[in-house]
Amino acid sequence: MANVMIQYNELGKLSLYLAKKDLEEEITHFEFDDDDKWGGEVHLAGGAIYYIDPMDEKPRLPITVRAKRLQAA
């Protein structure tokens, strides 16, 4: 598992930043992106998929969370 930062990029779109690889990619799909549930599978524009344990409420961004890589790009 890796620490990743979820934030809005300069275009106002959600992005995932992985400091260990100095990689920032746009998020194309969030499994749960509601006020009462947030997280799950996170799909990136480059094809990678990460998993963030779902939270009971949508957090304020930016946020650093632990994520597991399910599929490499």
PDB file of N, CA and C in Angstrom:
ATOM      1  N   MET A   1       0.850  -1.185   0.000  1.00  0.00           N
ATOM      2  CA  MET A   1       0.000   0.000   0.000  1.00  0.00           C
ATOM      3  C   MET A   1       0.885   1.234   0.000  1.00  0.00           C
ATOM      4  N   ALA A   2       0.378   2.257  -0.643  1.00  0.00           N
ATOM      5  CA  ALA A   2       1.137   3.492  -0.786  1.00  0.00           C
ATOM      6  C   ALA A   2       0.308   4.668  -0.275  1.00  0.00           C
ATOM      7  N   ASN A   3       0.994   5.702   0.166  1.00  0.00           N
ATOM      8  CA  ASN A   3       0.319   6.945   0.514  1.00  0.00           C
ATOM      9  C   ASN A   3       0.118   7.741  -0.769  1.00  0.00           C
ATOM     10  N   VAL A   4      -1.113   8.154  -1.023  1.00  0.00           N
ATOM     11  CA  VAL A   4      -1.422   8.958  -2.196  1.00  0.00           C
ATOM     12  C   VAL A   4      -2.195  10.192  -1.748  1.00  0.00           C
ATOM     13  N   MET A   5      -2.099  11.243  -2.545  1.00  0.00           N
ATOM     14  CA  MET A   5      -2.853  12.453  -2.272  1.00  0.00           C
ATOM     15  C   MET A   5      -3.922  12.595  -3.344  1.00  0.00           C
ATOM     16  N   ILE A   6      -5.142  12.808  -2.913  1.00  0.00           N
ATOM     17  CA  ILE A   6      -6.248  13.085  -3.810  1.00  0.00           C
ATOM     18  C   ILE A   6      -6.499  14.585  -3.723  1.00  0.00           C
ATOM     19  N   GLN A   7      -6.503  15.234  -4.882  1.00  0.00           N
ATOM     20  CA  GLN A   7      -6.653  16.690  -4.918  1.00  0.00           C
ATOM     21  C   GLN A   7      -7.263  17.095  -6.247  1.00  0.00           C
ATOM     22  N   TYR A   8      -7.607  18.365  -6.355  1.00  0.00           N
ATOM     23  CA  TYR A   8      -8.050  18.914  -7.628  1.00  0.00           C
ATOM     24  C   TYR A   8      -6.835  19.480  -8.352  1.00  0.00           C
ATOM     25  N   ASN A   9      -6.728  19.205  -9.665  1.00  0.00           N
ATOM     26  CA  ASN A   9      -5.612  19.749 -10.435  1.00  0.00           C
ATOM     27  C   ASN A   9      -5.955  21.164 -10.905  1.00  0.00           C
ATOM     28  N   GLU A  10      -5.073  21.755 -11.693  1.00  0.00           N
ATOM     29  CA  GLU A  10      -5.269  23.139 -12.128  1.00  0.00           C
ATOM     30  C   GLU A  10      -6.472  23.301 -13.058  1.00  0.00           C
ATOM     31  N   LEU A  11      -6.969  22.202 -13.626  1.00  0.00           N
ATOM     32  CA  LEU A  11      -8.158  22.246 -14.484  1.00  0.00           C
ATOM     33  C   LEU A  11      -9.442  21.989 -13.697  1.00  0.00           C
ATOM     34  N   GLY A  12      -9.309  21.776 -12.383  1.00  0.00           N
ATOM     35  CA  GLY A  12     -10.465  21.545 -11.539  1.00  0.00           C
ATOM     36  C   GLY A  12     -10.949  20.109 -11.534  1.00  0.00           C
ATOM     37  N   LYS A  13     -10.148  19.188 -12.055  1.00  0.00           N
ATOM     38  CA  LYS A  13     -10.509  17.775 -12.075  1.00  0.00           C
ATOM     39  C   LYS A  13      -9.767  17.038 -10.975  1.00  0.00           C
ATOM     40  N   LEU A  14     -10.364  15.960 -10.475  1.00  0.00           N
ATOM     41  CA  LEU A  14      -9.723  15.166  -9.435  1.00  0.00           C
ATOM     42  C   LEU A  14      -8.472  14.490  -9.983  1.00  0.00           C
ATOM     43  N   SER A  15      -7.429  14.466  -9.179  1.00  0.00           N
ATOM     44  CA  SER A  15      -6.206  13.777  -9.574  1.00  0.00           C
ATOM     45  C   SER A  15      -5.627  13.032  -8.377  1.00  0.00           C
ATOM     46  N   LEU A  16      -4.832  12.023  -8.681  1.00  0.00           N
ATOM     47  CA  LEU A  16      -4.147  11.227  -7.675  1.00  0.00           C
ATOM     48  C   LEU A  16      -2.659  11.495  -7.829  1.00  0.00           C
ATOM     49  N   TYR A  17      -1.999  11.832  -6.721  1.00  0.00           N
ATOM     50  CA  TYR A  17      -0.564  12.094  -6.741  1.00  0.00           C
ATOM     51  C   TYR A  17       0.138  11.040  -5.901  1.00  0.00           C
ATOM     52  N   LEU A  18       1.089  10.359  -6.520  1.00  0.00           N
ATOM     53  CA  LEU A  18       1.891   9.337  -5.852  1.00  0.00           C
ATOM     54  C   LEU A  18       3.301   9.880  -5.714  1.00  0.00           C
ATOM     55  N   ALA A  19       3.648  10.355  -4.513  1.00  0.00           N
ATOM     56  CA  ALA A  19       4.936  11.010  -4.289  1.00  0.00           C
ATOM     57  C   ALA A  19       6.113  10.071  -4.534  1.00  0.00           C
ATOM     58  N   LYS A  20       5.945   8.814  -4.188  1.00  0.00           N
ATOM     59  CA  LYS A  20       7.032   7.844  -4.324  1.00  0.00           C
ATOM     60  C   LYS A  20       7.539   7.758  -5.770  1.00  0.00           C
ATOM     61  N   LYS A  21       6.642   7.952  -6.725  1.00  0.00           N
ATOM     62  CA  LYS A  21       7.008   7.899  -8.140  1.00  0.00           C
ATOM     63  C   LYS A  21       6.931   9.271  -8.807  1.00  0.00           C
ATOM     64  N   ASP A  22       6.622  10.318  -8.026  1.00  0.00           N
ATOM     65  CA  ASP A  22       6.418  11.662  -8.548  1.00  0.00           C
ATOM     66  C   ASP A  22       5.468  11.627  -9.745  1.00  0.00           C
ATOM     67  N   LEU A  23       4.331  10.968  -9.538  1.00  0.00           N
ATOM     68  CA  LEU A  23       3.348  10.751 -10.589  1.00  0.00           C
ATOM     69  C   LEU A  23       2.027  11.400 -10.193  1.00  0.00           C
ATOM     70  N   GLU A  24       1.481  12.200 -11.096  1.00  0.00           N
ATOM     71  CA  GLU A  24       0.153  12.762 -10.890  1.00  0.00           C
ATOM     72  C   GLU A  24      -0.680  12.441 -12.119  1.00  0.00           C
ATOM     73  N   GLU A  25      -1.830  11.806 -11.892  1.00  0.00           N
ATOM     74  CA  GLU A  25      -2.714  11.436 -12.998  1.00  0.00           C
ATOM     75  C   GLU A  25      -4.141  11.798 -12.666  1.00  0.00           C
ATOM     76  N   GLU A  26      -4.878  12.132 -13.707  1.00  0.00           N
ATOM     77  CA  GLU A  26      -6.287  12.471 -13.562  1.00  0.00           C
ATOM     78  C   GLU A  26      -7.096  11.219 -13.220  1.00  0.00           C
ATOM     79  N   ILE A  27      -8.052  11.387 -12.336  1.00  0.00           N
ATOM     80  CA  ILE A  27      -8.953  10.307 -11.959  1.00  0.00           C
ATOM     81  C   ILE A  27     -10.122  10.321 -12.935  1.00  0.00           C
ATOM     82  N   THR A  28     -10.382   9.171 -13.557  1.00  0.00           N
ATOM     83  CA  THR A  28     -11.488   9.071 -14.514  1.00  0.00           C
ATOM     84  C   THR A  28     -12.738   8.468 -13.895  1.00  0.00           C
ATOM     85  N   HIS A  29     -12.586   7.692 -12.816  1.00  0.00           N
ATOM     86  CA  HIS A  29     -13.741   7.054 -12.171  1.00  0.00           C
ATOM     87  C   HIS A  29     -13.449   6.821 -10.695  1.00  0.00           C
ATOM     88  N   PHE A  30     -14.406   7.196  -9.869  1.00  0.00           N
ATOM     89  CA  PHE A  30     -14.382   6.926  -8.431  1.00  0.00           C
ATOM     90  C   PHE A  30     -15.542   5.990  -8.148  1.00  0.00           C
ATOM     91  N   GLU A  31     -15.304   4.851  -7.511  1.00  0.00           N
ATOM     92  CA  GLU A  31     -16.390   3.906  -7.238  1.00  0.00           C
ATOM     93  C   GLU A  31     -17.469   4.552  -6.371  1.00  0.00           C
ATOM     94  N   PHE A  32     -17.074   5.213  -5.292  1.00  0.00           N
ATOM     95  CA  PHE A  32     -18.012   5.896  -4.408  1.00  0.00           C
ATOM     96  C   PHE A  32     -17.571   7.347  -4.279  1.00  0.00           C
ATOM     97  N   ASP A  33     -18.371   8.268  -4.785  1.00  0.00           N
ATOM     98  CA  ASP A  33     -18.047   9.692  -4.711  1.00  0.00           C
ATOM     99  C   ASP A  33     -19.275  10.480  -4.270  1.00  0.00           C
ATOM    100  N   ASP A  34     -19.910   9.988  -3.205  1.00  0.00           N
ATOM    101  CA  ASP A  34     -21.109  10.630  -2.674  1.00  0.00           C
ATOM    102  C   ASP A  34     -20.794  11.253  -1.317  1.00  0.00           C
ATOM    103  N   ASP A  35     -21.703  12.094  -0.837  1.00  0.00           N
ATOM    104  CA  ASP A  35     -21.507  12.728   0.464  1.00  0.00           C
ATOM    105  C   ASP A  35     -21.493  11.721   1.606  1.00  0.00           C
ATOM    106  N   ASP A  36     -22.211  10.595   1.454  1.00  0.00           N
ATOM    107  CA  ASP A  36     -22.299   9.617   2.535  1.00  0.00           C
ATOM    108  C   ASP A  36     -21.401   8.393   2.343  1.00  0.00           C
ATOM    109  N   LYS A  37     -20.658   8.308   1.228  1.00  0.00           N
ATOM    110  CA  LYS A  37     -19.705   7.218   1.015  1.00  0.00           C
ATOM    111  C   LYS A  37     -18.686   7.661  -0.023  1.00  0.00           C
ATOM    112  N   TRP A  38     -17.399   7.489   0.304  1.00  0.00           N
ATOM    113  CA  TRP A  38     -16.341   7.971  -0.571  1.00  0.00           C
ATOM    114  C   TRP A  38     -15.189   6.977  -0.561  1.00  0.00           C
ATOM    115  N   GLY A  39     -14.656   6.646  -1.739  1.00  0.00           N
ATOM    116  CA  GLY A  39     -13.515   5.734  -1.849  1.00  0.00           C
ATOM    117  C   GLY A  39     -13.804   4.590  -2.795  1.00  0.00           C
ATOM    118  N   GLY A  40     -13.229   3.427  -2.510  1.00  0.00           N
ATOM    119  CA  GLY A  40     -13.384   2.259  -3.370  1.00  0.00           C
ATOM    120  C   GLY A  40     -12.371   2.270  -4.497  1.00  0.00           C
ATOM    121  N   GLU A  41     -12.744   1.708  -5.647  1.00  0.00           N
ATOM    122  CA  GLU A  41     -11.834   1.660  -6.792  1.00  0.00           C
ATOM    123  C   GLU A  41     -11.694   3.045  -7.414  1.00  0.00           C
ATOM    124  N   VAL A  42     -10.452   3.396  -7.702  1.00  0.00           N
ATOM    125  CA  VAL A  42     -10.135   4.679  -8.323  1.00  0.00           C
ATOM    126  C   VAL A  42      -9.409   4.373  -9.630  1.00  0.00           C
ATOM    127  N   HIS A  43     -10.015   4.741 -10.752  1.00  0.00           N
ATOM    128  CA  HIS A  43      -9.429   4.487 -12.065  1.00  0.00           C
ATOM    129  C   HIS A  43      -8.719   5.751 -12.547  1.00  0.00           C
ATOM    130  N   LEU A  44      -7.499   5.579 -13.043  1.00  0.00           N
ATOM    131  CA  LEU A  44      -6.708   6.702 -13.531  1.00  0.00           C
ATOM    132  C   LEU A  44      -6.697   6.742 -15.047  1.00  0.00           C
ATOM    133  N   ALA A  45      -6.424   7.918 -15.608  1.00  0.00           N
ATOM    134  CA  ALA A  45      -6.416   8.116 -17.055  1.00  0.00           C
ATOM    135  C   ALA A  45      -5.411   7.195 -17.740  1.00  0.00           C
ATOM    136  N   GLY A  46      -4.306   6.870 -17.090  1.00  0.00           N
ATOM    137  CA  GLY A  46      -3.275   6.022 -17.686  1.00  0.00           C
ATOM    138  C   GLY A  46      -3.590   4.538 -17.644  1.00  0.00           C
ATOM    139  N   GLY A  47      -4.704   4.155 -17.023  1.00  0.00           N
ATOM    140  CA  GLY A  47      -5.106   2.759 -16.983  1.00  0.00           C
ATOM    141  C   GLY A  47      -4.903   2.069 -15.645  1.00  0.00           C
ATOM    142  N   ALA A  48      -4.170   2.673 -14.731  1.00  0.00           N
ATOM    143  CA  ALA A  48      -3.953   2.067 -13.417  1.00  0.00           C
ATOM    144  C   ALA A  48      -5.231   2.150 -12.589  1.00  0.00           C
ATOM    145  N   ILE A  49      -5.387   1.190 -11.673  1.00  0.00           N
ATOM    146  CA  ILE A  49      -6.528   1.180 -10.764  1.00  0.00           C
ATOM    147  C   ILE A  49      -5.999   1.022  -9.339  1.00  0.00           C
ATOM    148  N   TYR A  50      -6.451   1.884  -8.441  1.00  0.00           N
ATOM    149  CA  TYR A  50      -6.094   1.825  -7.028  1.00  0.00           C
ATOM    150  C   TYR A  50      -7.357   1.606  -6.215  1.00  0.00           C
ATOM    151  N   TYR A  51      -7.182   1.127  -4.987  1.00  0.00           N
ATOM    152  CA  TYR A  51      -8.308   0.909  -4.087  1.00  0.00           C
ATOM    153  C   TYR A  51      -8.062   1.682  -2.797  1.00  0.00           C
ATOM    154  N   ILE A  52      -9.043   2.490  -2.430  1.00  0.00           N
ATOM    155  CA  ILE A  52      -9.018   3.250  -1.172  1.00  0.00           C
ATOM    156  C   ILE A  52     -10.167   2.725  -0.325  1.00  0.00           C
ATOM    157  N   ASP A  53      -9.881   2.354   0.928  1.00  0.00           N
ATOM    158  CA  ASP A  53     -10.948   1.886   1.816  1.00  0.00           C
ATOM    159  C   ASP A  53     -12.039   2.954   1.893  1.00  0.00           C
ATOM    160  N   PRO A  54     -13.290   2.568   1.622  1.00  0.00           N
ATOM    161  CA  PRO A  54     -14.385   3.544   1.647  1.00  0.00           C
ATOM    162  C   PRO A  54     -14.534   4.213   3.011  1.00  0.00           C
ATOM    163  N   MET A  55     -14.871   5.500   2.963  1.00  0.00           N
ATOM    164  CA  MET A  55     -15.115   6.301   4.164  1.00  0.00           C
ATOM    165  C   MET A  55     -16.606   6.594   4.248  1.00  0.00           C
ATOM    166  N   ASP A  56     -17.091   6.845   5.468  1.00  0.00           N
ATOM    167  CA  ASP A  56     -18.510   7.093   5.695  1.00  0.00           C
ATOM    168  C   ASP A  56     -18.986   8.448   5.197  1.00  0.00           C
ATOM    169  N   GLU A  57     -18.065   9.360   4.948  1.00  0.00           N
ATOM    170  CA  GLU A  57     -18.454  10.663   4.415  1.00  0.00           C
ATOM    171  C   GLU A  57     -17.354  11.198   3.509  1.00  0.00           C
ATOM    172  N   LYS A  58     -17.734  12.067   2.610  1.00  0.00           N
ATOM    173  CA  LYS A  58     -16.792  12.647   1.661  1.00  0.00           C
ATOM    174  C   LYS A  58     -15.870  13.626   2.409  1.00  0.00           C
ATOM    175  N   PRO A  59     -14.551  13.446   2.301  1.00  0.00           N
ATOM    176  CA  PRO A  59     -13.628  14.322   3.023  1.00  0.00           C
ATOM    177  C   PRO A  59     -13.389  15.628   2.276  1.00  0.00           C
ATOM    178  N   ARG A  60     -12.800  16.575   2.976  1.00  0.00           N
ATOM    179  CA  ARG A  60     -12.348  17.813   2.340  1.00  0.00           C
ATOM    180  C   ARG A  60     -11.046  17.499   1.626  1.00  0.00           C
ATOM    181  N   LEU A  61     -10.869  18.062   0.458  1.00  0.00           N
ATOM    182  CA  LEU A  61      -9.666  17.824  -0.334  1.00  0.00           C
ATOM    183  C   LEU A  61      -8.759  19.032  -0.273  1.00  0.00           C
ATOM    184  N   PRO A  62      -7.463  18.847  -0.353  1.00  0.00           N
ATOM    185  CA  PRO A  62      -6.725  17.611  -0.605  1.00  0.00           C
ATOM    186  C   PRO A  62      -6.656  16.735   0.641  1.00  0.00           C
ATOM    187  N   ILE A  63      -6.495  15.424   0.399  1.00  0.00           N
ATOM    188  CA  ILE A  63      -6.386  14.454   1.486  1.00  0.00           C
ATOM    189  C   ILE A  63      -5.348  13.401   1.107  1.00  0.00           C
ATOM    190  N   THR A  64      -4.596  12.953   2.095  1.00  0.00           N
ATOM    191  CA  THR A  64      -3.632  11.868   1.896  1.00  0.00           C
ATOM    192  C   THR A  64      -4.214  10.610   2.527  1.00  0.00           C
ATOM    193  N   VAL A  65      -4.248   9.530   1.734  1.00  0.00           N
ATOM    194  CA  VAL A  65      -4.834   8.264   2.181  1.00  0.00           C
ATOM    195  C   VAL A  65      -3.929   7.113   1.735  1.00  0.00           C
ATOM    196  N   ARG A  66      -4.161   5.946   2.322  1.00  0.00           N
ATOM    197  CA  ARG A  66      -3.466   4.733   1.910  1.00  0.00           C
ATOM    198  C   ARG A  66      -4.255   4.103   0.763  1.00  0.00           C
ATOM    199  N   ALA A  67      -3.550   3.696  -0.281  1.00  0.00           N
ATOM    200  CA  ALA A  67      -4.211   3.086  -1.433  1.00  0.00           C
ATOM    201  C   ALA A  67      -3.433   1.863  -1.880  1.00  0.00           C
ATOM    202  N   LYS A  68      -4.159   0.859  -2.330  1.00  0.00           N
ATOM    203  CA  LYS A  68      -3.562  -0.376  -2.821  1.00  0.00           C
ATOM    204  C   LYS A  68      -3.694  -0.405  -4.340  1.00  0.00           C
ATOM    205  N   ARG A  69      -2.610  -0.691  -5.033  1.00  0.00           N
ATOM    206  CA  ARG A  69      -2.669  -0.771  -6.491  1.00  0.00           C
ATOM    207  C   ARG A  69      -3.283  -2.108  -6.880  1.00  0.00           C
ATOM    208  N   LEU A  70      -4.381  -2.074  -7.625  1.00  0.00           N
ATOM    209  CA  LEU A  70      -5.046  -3.285  -8.090  1.00  0.00           C
ATOM    210  C   LEU A  70      -4.574  -3.671  -9.483  1.00  0.00           C
ATOM    211  N   GLN A  71      -4.263  -2.647 -10.294  1.00  0.00           N
ATOM    212  CA  GLN A  71      -3.843  -2.889 -11.675  1.00  0.00           C
ATOM    213  C   GLN A  71      -2.838  -1.831 -12.084  1.00  0.00           C
ATOM    214  N   ALA A  72      -1.715  -2.270 -12.643  1.00  0.00           N
ATOM    215  CA  ALA A  72      -0.709  -1.319 -13.112  1.00  0.00           C
ATOM    216  C   ALA A  72      -1.131  -0.746 -14.465  1.00  0.00           C
ATOM    217  N   ALA A  73      -0.568   0.384 -14.791  1.00  0.00           N
ATOM    218  CA  ALA A  73      -0.873   1.033 -16.075  1.00  0.00           C
ATOM    219  C   ALA A  73      -0.271   0.279 -17.235  1.00  0.00           C
TER     220      ALA A  73
END
